[in-house]
Amino acid sequence: RRGEMAKSTQLINNEVFQAFATYAAIVLLKMMLMSPITTYFRVTRKAFANPEDTASFGKENAKKYLRSDPDVERARRGHLNDLENIIPFFGIGLLYALSGPELSWALLHFRLFAGARILHTFAYLIPLPQPSRGLTWATGYIVTFSMAYNVLKTVWHL
């Protein structure tokens, strides 16, 4: 059934959609985990962004904890990078899943993207030397672009 759009009543039974839902949930959960990771670095490094977050240290000490920290900023940049890449994957991946791709190709796309994003997080937080972070980012980006290309190739109606 290559190239045939999935019917909404059959969507939950569609193996490609199930695969998309699985990997989309994995990368969305990974992205959500970046918030507690950032919080961990804020608390352990005592580096807070808002005055009300430092209130428990007393007025005299509050100002010295109202600061930035390299580890906190690295976690924040990793989270921002997730937002910039996982949200497009979610939208394009959904369209791709609905465009009727072969299951094997869909799994390849979804697994490559999820693996690349997970490795990207480790490369960002550890940090691993470049080009590890750049290569993991590029892998995810190329996968998303490939899915977009396949959607357009399948459903182009201009």
C-alpha atoms as a PDB file:
ATOM      1  CA  ARG A   1       0.000   0.000   0.000  1.00  0.00           C
ATOM      2  CA  ARG A   2       2.909   2.317  -0.642  1.00  0.00           C
ATOM      3  CA  GLY A   3       1.814   5.905  -1.230  1.00  0.00           C
ATOM      4  CA  GLU A   4      -1.727   5.338   0.018  1.00  0.00           C
ATOM      5  CA  MET A   5      -2.941   7.680   2.747  1.00  0.00           C
ATOM      6  CA  ALA A   6      -3.960   5.994   6.004  1.00  0.00           C
ATOM      7  CA  LYS A   7      -7.619   6.281   6.969  1.00  0.00           C
ATOM      8  CA  SER A   8      -8.190   7.937  10.335  1.00  0.00           C
ATOM      9  CA  THR A   9     -10.292   5.007  11.619  1.00  0.00           C
ATOM     10  CA  GLN A  10      -7.452   2.621  10.829  1.00  0.00           C
ATOM     11  CA  LEU A  11      -4.725   4.889  12.136  1.00  0.00           C
ATOM     12  CA  ILE A  12      -4.241   3.196  15.490  1.00  0.00           C
ATOM     13  CA  ASN A  13      -3.773  -0.141  13.718  1.00  0.00           C
ATOM     14  CA  ASN A  14      -1.335   1.286  11.181  1.00  0.00           C
ATOM     15  CA  GLU A  15       2.140  -0.080  11.923  1.00  0.00           C
ATOM     16  CA  VAL A  16       3.905   2.999  10.557  1.00  0.00           C
ATOM     17  CA  PHE A  17       1.779   5.271  12.722  1.00  0.00           C
ATOM     18  CA  GLN A  18       2.451   3.044  15.748  1.00  0.00           C
ATOM     19  CA  ALA A  19       6.178   3.283  15.044  1.00  0.00           C
ATOM     20  CA  PHE A  20       5.937   7.056  14.697  1.00  0.00           C
ATOM     21  CA  ALA A  21       3.973   7.318  17.960  1.00  0.00           C
ATOM     22  CA  THR A  22       6.604   5.211  19.732  1.00  0.00           C
ATOM     23  CA  TYR A  23       9.612   7.201  18.570  1.00  0.00           C
ATOM     24  CA  ALA A  24       7.850  10.556  18.850  1.00  0.00           C
ATOM     25  CA  ALA A  25       7.029   9.722  22.478  1.00  0.00           C
ATOM     26  CA  ILE A  26      10.653   8.732  23.111  1.00  0.00           C
ATOM     27  CA  VAL A  27      12.117  11.977  21.757  1.00  0.00           C
ATOM     28  CA  LEU A  28       9.414  14.124  23.387  1.00  0.00           C
ATOM     29  CA  LEU A  29      10.128  12.473  26.759  1.00  0.00           C
ATOM     30  CA  LYS A  30      13.856  13.012  26.184  1.00  0.00           C
ATOM     31  CA  MET A  31      13.160  16.671  25.496  1.00  0.00           C
ATOM     32  CA  MET A  32      11.014  16.907  28.642  1.00  0.00           C
ATOM     33  CA  LEU A  33      13.889  15.439  30.681  1.00  0.00           C
ATOM     34  CA  MET A  34      16.025  18.430  29.753  1.00  0.00           C
ATOM     35  CA  SER A  35      14.009  20.593  32.178  1.00  0.00           C
ATOM     36  CA  PRO A  36      14.890  18.544  35.287  1.00  0.00           C
ATOM     37  CA  ILE A  37      18.485  18.287  34.050  1.00  0.00           C
ATOM     38  CA  THR A  38      18.651  22.078  33.808  1.00  0.00           C
ATOM     39  CA  THR A  39      17.064  22.354  37.256  1.00  0.00           C
ATOM     40  CA  TYR A  40      19.633  19.913  38.639  1.00  0.00           C
ATOM     41  CA  PHE A  41      22.465  22.092  37.329  1.00  0.00           C
ATOM     42  CA  ARG A  42      20.797  25.265  38.664  1.00  0.00           C
ATOM     43  CA  VAL A  43      20.431  23.798  42.143  1.00  0.00           C
ATOM     44  CA  THR A  44      23.831  22.099  42.360  1.00  0.00           C
ATOM     45  CA  ARG A  45      25.651  25.130  40.901  1.00  0.00           C
ATOM     46  CA  LYS A  46      23.468  27.603  42.825  1.00  0.00           C
ATOM     47  CA  ALA A  47      22.922  29.626  39.659  1.00  0.00           C
ATOM     48  CA  PHE A  48      19.420  31.015  39.363  1.00  0.00           C
ATOM     49  CA  ALA A  49      17.828  33.274  36.757  1.00  0.00           C
ATOM     50  CA  ASN A  50      15.033  34.874  38.781  1.00  0.00           C
ATOM     51  CA  PRO A  51      15.228  36.831  42.054  1.00  0.00           C
ATOM     52  CA  GLU A  52      12.329  34.883  43.575  1.00  0.00           C
ATOM     53  CA  ASP A  53      14.311  31.657  43.101  1.00  0.00           C
ATOM     54  CA  THR A  54      17.028  32.966  45.443  1.00  0.00           C
ATOM     55  CA  ALA A  55      14.687  34.210  48.200  1.00  0.00           C
ATOM     56  CA  SER A  56      15.370  31.205  50.447  1.00  0.00           C
ATOM     57  CA  PHE A  57      19.048  32.204  50.692  1.00  0.00           C
ATOM     58  CA  GLY A  58      18.221  35.529  52.361  1.00  0.00           C
ATOM     59  CA  LYS A  59      18.498  38.996  50.875  1.00  0.00           C
ATOM     60  CA  GLU A  60      22.242  39.306  51.463  1.00  0.00           C
ATOM     61  CA  ASN A  61      23.136  36.035  49.729  1.00  0.00           C
ATOM     62  CA  ALA A  62      20.423  36.190  47.069  1.00  0.00           C
ATOM     63  CA  LYS A  63      22.397  38.454  44.730  1.00  0.00           C
ATOM     64  CA  LYS A  64      25.397  36.141  44.522  1.00  0.00           C
ATOM     65  CA  TYR A  65      23.153  33.252  43.391  1.00  0.00           C
ATOM     66  CA  LEU A  66      21.455  35.362  40.742  1.00  0.00           C
ATOM     67  CA  ARG A  67      23.965  34.509  38.044  1.00  0.00           C
ATOM     68  CA  SER A  68      24.639  32.347  35.022  1.00  0.00           C
ATOM     69  CA  ASP A  69      26.714  29.188  35.055  1.00  0.00           C
ATOM     70  CA  PRO A  70      28.391  27.433  32.094  1.00  0.00           C
ATOM     71  CA  ASP A  71      26.830  24.035  32.932  1.00  0.00           C
ATOM     72  CA  VAL A  72      23.348  25.527  33.305  1.00  0.00           C
ATOM     73  CA  GLU A  73      23.732  27.397  30.035  1.00  0.00           C
ATOM     74  CA  ARG A  74      24.958  24.242  28.261  1.00  0.00           C
ATOM     75  CA  ALA A  75      21.872  22.322  29.450  1.00  0.00           C
ATOM     76  CA  ARG A  76      19.638  25.212  28.360  1.00  0.00           C
ATOM     77  CA  ARG A  77      21.239  25.290  24.906  1.00  0.00           C
ATOM     78  CA  GLY A  78      20.750  21.531  24.595  1.00  0.00           C
ATOM     79  CA  HIS A  79      17.085  21.945  25.499  1.00  0.00           C
ATOM     80  CA  LEU A  80      16.676  24.775  22.988  1.00  0.00           C
ATOM     81  CA  ASN A  81      18.310  22.632  20.319  1.00  0.00           C
ATOM     82  CA  ASP A  82      15.772  19.884  21.104  1.00  0.00           C
ATOM     83  CA  LEU A  83      12.927  22.357  20.644  1.00  0.00           C
ATOM     84  CA  GLU A  84      14.367  23.471  17.316  1.00  0.00           C
ATOM     85  CA  ASN A  85      14.665  19.903  16.019  1.00  0.00           C
ATOM     86  CA  ILE A  86      12.104  17.670  17.741  1.00  0.00           C
ATOM     87  CA  ILE A  87       9.106  19.895  17.004  1.00  0.00           C
ATOM     88  CA  PRO A  88       9.783  19.832  13.229  1.00  0.00           C
ATOM     89  CA  PHE A  89      10.345  16.058  13.467  1.00  0.00           C
ATOM     90  CA  PHE A  90       6.995  15.678  15.187  1.00  0.00           C
ATOM     91  CA  GLY A  91       5.071  17.574  12.505  1.00  0.00           C
ATOM     92  CA  ILE A  92       6.934  16.227   9.494  1.00  0.00           C
ATOM     93  CA  GLY A  93       7.096  12.723  10.961  1.00  0.00           C
ATOM     94  CA  LEU A  94       3.323  12.700  11.415  1.00  0.00           C
ATOM     95  CA  LEU A  95       2.801  13.751   7.799  1.00  0.00           C
ATOM     96  CA  TYR A  96       5.348  11.157   6.724  1.00  0.00           C
ATOM     97  CA  ALA A  97       3.599   8.408   8.700  1.00  0.00           C
ATOM     98  CA  LEU A  98       0.290   9.379   7.094  1.00  0.00           C
ATOM     99  CA  SER A  99       1.779   9.387   3.567  1.00  0.00           C
ATOM    100  CA  GLY A 100       1.990   5.594   3.452  1.00  0.00           C
ATOM    101  CA  PRO A 101       5.732   4.813   3.537  1.00  0.00           C
ATOM    102  CA  GLU A 102       7.086   1.278   3.771  1.00  0.00           C
ATOM    103  CA  LEU A 103       7.401   0.212   7.424  1.00  0.00           C
ATOM    104  CA  SER A 104      11.099  -0.616   7.048  1.00  0.00           C
ATOM    105  CA  TRP A 105      11.909   2.862   5.676  1.00  0.00           C
ATOM    106  CA  ALA A 106       9.761   4.561   8.307  1.00  0.00           C
ATOM    107  CA  LEU A 107      11.472   2.614  11.106  1.00  0.00           C
ATOM    108  CA  LEU A 108      14.860   3.563   9.682  1.00  0.00           C
ATOM    109  CA  HIS A 109      13.911   7.257   9.686  1.00  0.00           C
ATOM    110  CA  PHE A 110      12.365   7.188  13.173  1.00  0.00           C
ATOM    111  CA  ARG A 111      15.150   5.145  14.765  1.00  0.00           C
ATOM    112  CA  LEU A 112      17.914   7.225  13.218  1.00  0.00           C
ATOM    113  CA  PHE A 113      16.297  10.435  14.416  1.00  0.00           C
ATOM    114  CA  ALA A 114      15.670   9.179  17.961  1.00  0.00           C
ATOM    115  CA  GLY A 115      19.173   7.732  18.249  1.00  0.00           C
ATOM    116  CA  ALA A 116      20.756  10.901  16.885  1.00  0.00           C
ATOM    117  CA  ARG A 117      18.863  13.120  19.346  1.00  0.00           C
ATOM    118  CA  ILE A 118      19.769  10.930  22.319  1.00  0.00           C
ATOM    119  CA  LEU A 119      23.439  10.880  21.295  1.00  0.00           C
ATOM    120  CA  HIS A 120      23.279  14.626  20.665  1.00  0.00           C
ATOM    121  CA  THR A 121      22.191  15.165  24.269  1.00  0.00           C
ATOM    122  CA  PHE A 122      25.131  13.140  25.593  1.00  0.00           C
ATOM    123  CA  ALA A 123      27.490  14.972  23.238  1.00  0.00           C
ATOM    124  CA  TYR A 124      26.124  18.291  24.516  1.00  0.00           C
ATOM    125  CA  LEU A 125      26.052  17.571  28.243  1.00  0.00           C
ATOM    126  CA  ILE A 126      29.268  15.574  28.731  1.00  0.00           C
ATOM    127  CA  PRO A 127      30.588  17.437  26.461  1.00  0.00           C
ATOM    128  CA  LEU A 128      32.107  15.213  23.799  1.00  0.00           C
ATOM    129  CA  PRO A 129      34.620  16.729  21.375  1.00  0.00           C
ATOM    130  CA  GLN A 130      33.402  17.986  18.037  1.00  0.00           C
ATOM    131  CA  PRO A 131      32.427  16.835  15.488  1.00  0.00           C
ATOM    132  CA  SER A 132      30.333  14.410  17.593  1.00  0.00           C
ATOM    133  CA  ARG A 133      27.634  16.938  18.433  1.00  0.00           C
ATOM    134  CA  GLY A 134      27.584  18.349  14.914  1.00  0.00           C
ATOM    135  CA  LEU A 135      27.323  14.901  13.337  1.00  0.00           C
ATOM    136  CA  THR A 136      24.457  13.838  15.598  1.00  0.00           C
ATOM    137  CA  TRP A 137      22.633  17.099  14.878  1.00  0.00           C
ATOM    138  CA  ALA A 138      23.197  16.717  11.130  1.00  0.00           C
ATOM    139  CA  THR A 139      21.931  13.123  11.188  1.00  0.00           C
ATOM    140  CA  GLY A 140      18.643  14.168  12.775  1.00  0.00           C
ATOM    141  CA  TYR A 141      18.310  17.135  10.450  1.00  0.00           C
ATOM    142  CA  ILE A 142      18.925  15.041   7.342  1.00  0.00           C
ATOM    143  CA  VAL A 143      16.404  12.433   8.515  1.00  0.00           C
ATOM    144  CA  THR A 144      13.737  15.106   9.014  1.00  0.00           C
ATOM    145  CA  PHE A 145      14.548  16.620   5.618  1.00  0.00           C
ATOM    146  CA  SER A 146      14.333  13.151   4.025  1.00  0.00           C
ATOM    147  CA  MET A 147      10.874  12.596   5.506  1.00  0.00           C
ATOM    148  CA  ALA A 148       9.744  16.025   4.269  1.00  0.00           C
ATOM    149  CA  TYR A 149      11.061  15.236   0.793  1.00  0.00           C
ATOM    150  CA  ASN A 150       9.189  11.908   0.782  1.00  0.00           C
ATOM    151  CA  VAL A 151       5.953  13.565   1.911  1.00  0.00           C
ATOM    152  CA  LEU A 152       6.203  16.157  -0.858  1.00  0.00           C
ATOM    153  CA  LYS A 153       7.101  13.500  -3.419  1.00  0.00           C
ATOM    154  CA  THR A 154       4.064  11.428  -2.391  1.00  0.00           C
ATOM    155  CA  VAL A 155       1.394  14.100  -2.048  1.00  0.00           C
ATOM    156  CA  TRP A 156       2.556  16.985  -4.262  1.00  0.00           C
ATOM    157  CA  HIS A 157      -0.572  18.690  -5.645  1.00  0.00           C
ATOM    158  CA  LEU A 158       0.355  22.146  -6.900  1.00  0.00           C
END
